[in-house]
Amino acid sequence: MDLDEVANTLSVSRAQVYALVRTGRLRAIKIGGRGVWRVERCALEAFISAAHAPTAAGRRGCGG
């Protein structure tokens, strides 16, 4: 996925996704001479799961 696709999935700006990549919070690879960033879907899913972990303590499923 490119950064725009990730931004759309997370409902954030491209700049916010780029910041996550640059800080290492979201794994990505830089491809080609122009340096296009790509995020694997499994890396995005891991990021989302990790973001949910602190709020999921003591809860089961989406209903709480």
Protein backbone atom coordinates (compact mmCIF):
# COMPACT_ATOMS: atom_id res chain seq x y z
CA MET A 1 0.00 0.00 0.00
CA ASP A 2 1.26 3.51 -0.65
CA LEU A 3 1.05 6.26 1.96
CA ASP A 4 -2.13 7.70 0.48
CA GLU A 5 -3.89 4.32 0.79
CA VAL A 6 -2.72 3.97 4.38
CA ALA A 7 -3.89 7.51 5.17
CA ASN A 8 -7.30 6.71 3.72
CA THR A 9 -7.54 3.48 5.74
CA LEU A 10 -6.63 5.26 8.98
CA SER A 11 -8.65 8.40 8.16
CA VAL A 12 -5.62 10.63 8.71
CA SER A 13 -3.49 12.83 6.48
CA ARG A 14 -0.64 11.59 4.32
CA ALA A 15 1.70 13.75 6.42
CA GLN A 16 0.61 11.93 9.57
CA VAL A 17 1.31 8.56 7.96
CA TYR A 18 4.71 9.80 6.79
CA ALA A 19 5.50 10.89 10.35
CA LEU A 20 4.58 7.42 11.64
CA VAL A 21 6.91 5.87 9.07
CA ARG A 22 9.78 8.28 9.76
CA THR A 23 9.59 7.69 13.52
CA GLY A 24 9.51 3.92 13.04
CA ARG A 25 6.06 3.44 14.57
CA LEU A 26 4.79 2.09 11.23
CA ARG A 27 7.03 -0.27 9.27
CA ALA A 28 7.54 0.64 5.63
CA ILE A 29 10.07 0.26 2.84
CA LYS A 30 11.33 2.84 0.38
CA ILE A 31 11.29 1.62 -3.21
CA GLY A 32 12.89 2.92 -6.37
CA GLY A 33 14.94 5.95 -7.30
CA ARG A 34 12.15 8.36 -6.40
CA GLY A 35 11.88 6.84 -2.93
CA VAL A 36 8.23 5.80 -2.92
CA TRP A 37 7.17 4.46 0.48
CA ARG A 38 5.22 1.20 0.67
CA VAL A 39 3.55 -0.33 3.70
CA GLU A 40 2.70 -4.03 3.77
CA ARG A 41 -0.89 -4.73 4.75
CA CYS A 42 0.30 -6.99 7.60
CA ALA A 43 2.44 -4.12 8.97
CA LEU A 44 -0.60 -1.83 8.94
CA GLU A 45 -2.72 -4.49 10.66
CA ALA A 46 -0.01 -4.93 13.33
CA PHE A 47 0.10 -1.15 13.86
CA ILE A 48 -3.69 -1.01 14.28
CA SER A 49 -3.67 -3.97 16.69
CA ALA A 50 -0.93 -2.36 18.76
CA ALA A 51 -2.89 0.89 18.87
CA HIS A 52 -5.93 -0.98 20.18
CA ALA A 53 -3.98 -2.92 22.81
CA PRO A 54 -3.82 -0.19 25.50
CA THR A 55 -7.56 0.46 25.26
CA ALA A 56 -8.57 -3.19 25.04
CA ALA A 57 -7.55 -4.14 28.58
CA GLY A 58 -10.54 -5.66 30.30
CA ARG A 59 -12.76 -5.55 27.23
CA ARG A 60 -14.03 -8.34 25.00
CA GLY A 61 -14.94 -7.73 21.38
CA CYS A 62 -16.37 -4.52 19.99
CA GLY A 63 -19.17 -4.35 22.54
CA GLY A 64 -16.89 -4.03 25.55
